[in-house]
Amino acid sequence: MFIIDYIYVGIDDTDSPDGMCTTYLCMDLIKKLKKEGFVIEGYPRLIRLNPFARYKTRGNGGVSFKFPKEQFEYNDFKKAQNIILDEVSKLSMFDCDNTHPGVVFYEGKITSEMEDFAFKALHSIITIDEAEEFANHIGAEIFKFKKGRGIIGALATISCKLTDCTYELLTYRIPENRGGKRKIDYDSVYLMDEMTDTFENIDGKYIAIEPKTPCPVLYGIRADNPESLLEAKNIVKVYEEIEDYCIFLTNQHTDMHLELAENIKSMRKYGSFIVEGTVVDTPHSIEGGHFFFTLEDSTAKIECGAYEPTKDFRKIVQKLMAGDVIKVYGGIGEEGTFNIEKFKVLDLNNIEYKNPKCPKCGKTLSSAGKNKGFKCKNCSYKLADSSKVPHTLKRDLQLGKFYETPVMARRHLAKPLCRMNLNN
């Protein structure tokens, strides 16, 4: 069997909250390289990494693409390399204190230890020094701009093994329109959502394909196959010029960031997990509209949070009560709280214990003191038995059902129920 060798290119950490997008840089690069006669094989990759990484620009996603090596028998790879590095130098947002671009070139086979590195970048924290040491170990050539933190994501994007994947089509605005209101026909977005096999397009009146930042992206559409994306692009109408578009192979909406935790005690900060536990207390709100409750198992307890941006999801969380058993999906941030992305109801506590009624007047009895039974404030009846009476509750939550955050608040990596073949 004929095997093609590749030279891989990974790029990360070029954008900022004020502009740019590493995917735009990638699209622009590929266009320039092809114009110079270089062959790029397949779709470029957009790989999202640990959503709880402390140092990241916006979506914590790196990009990569690959050259079939055989072409460099007649084409100069050094020329391609210079085009790539020049473009990163020109387009990266160096004014942002948190932007530290990195570029990685790697020739050879993607090894299991490289896949392990990418796994670590998805589930924990890797330092710049660790990434540089690993790059030297595998023989990759790295280029650091400023601190060069982007080499972490660049290496991981090249190395990430995709056991599940999606595709995203991104269209880009011409430079003079960036920062202004995007001119998208919203009715056409609803039509596209109805007519195509795409997902995460809308959330009620919220148009999810439209970014809310001044980046070059006009809109982004996601699907399980690229054909659906091209069909969708033909339906969506816009009233401004599109500079270009690009389809990326991604790990978005795959739950690739989640690890199955053995128990609550085994989970660590800055990681994302699936874990089962019992609700300890009724969810309560704090200033800002965030809801919290405690989850426990035989090993430990952890605070779980549903934050204000998750909107109506908080109302679902509020319906939980002590004794419910759930499986939660999410991650642990800086404060040590488990941020919920979705949960499944495994068992519902439908029994509530209340004070008994007075057999004389029918009023609810009050406690007469610890272990002193009950008394009726209305007719002075006394009951020596201190036992409360069980009442069956009607619960709004459904046994075995999943509940997820809305599209507008969903992480890039979180797998929506529609991709889990669940209709609820």
Foldseek 3Di string as FASTA:
>chain_A
DDDFWKKKKKKFQQEALAEADQVVLVVVLVVVCVVVPFDWDDAKAWEAAQPQEPQHHPQRIMIMTIGRVVVCVPPPVVVSVVSSVVSSVPRGPVVDPRGKMKMKIDIDDQDPVLQVLLLCRRFHDDDPVNLVVVCVVRVMDMDIGPSRRGSSNRSSRVRHDPPAWKKKKWWFADPVCFPHDWFWDVVLLVVLVVPFQWDLQAFVPRGRQADPGRYGTNGMTMHRDVVRVVVSVVRIDGDHDTPGMGMHIYLFQVLSQEDADPAPVRADESGWYKHKFFWAAQWDADPQGKTWTWTHDPPDIAIEIEHPQLPCLVVVSNLAGGGWMKIFTAHHHPVRYGYGFKMATADHDFKDWAADADPPPRHGWDDPDVQQATADPVPGDGDNDNGTDIDGHDGPDDHGDMDGRTSSPHRRNHNDVVVVVDPD
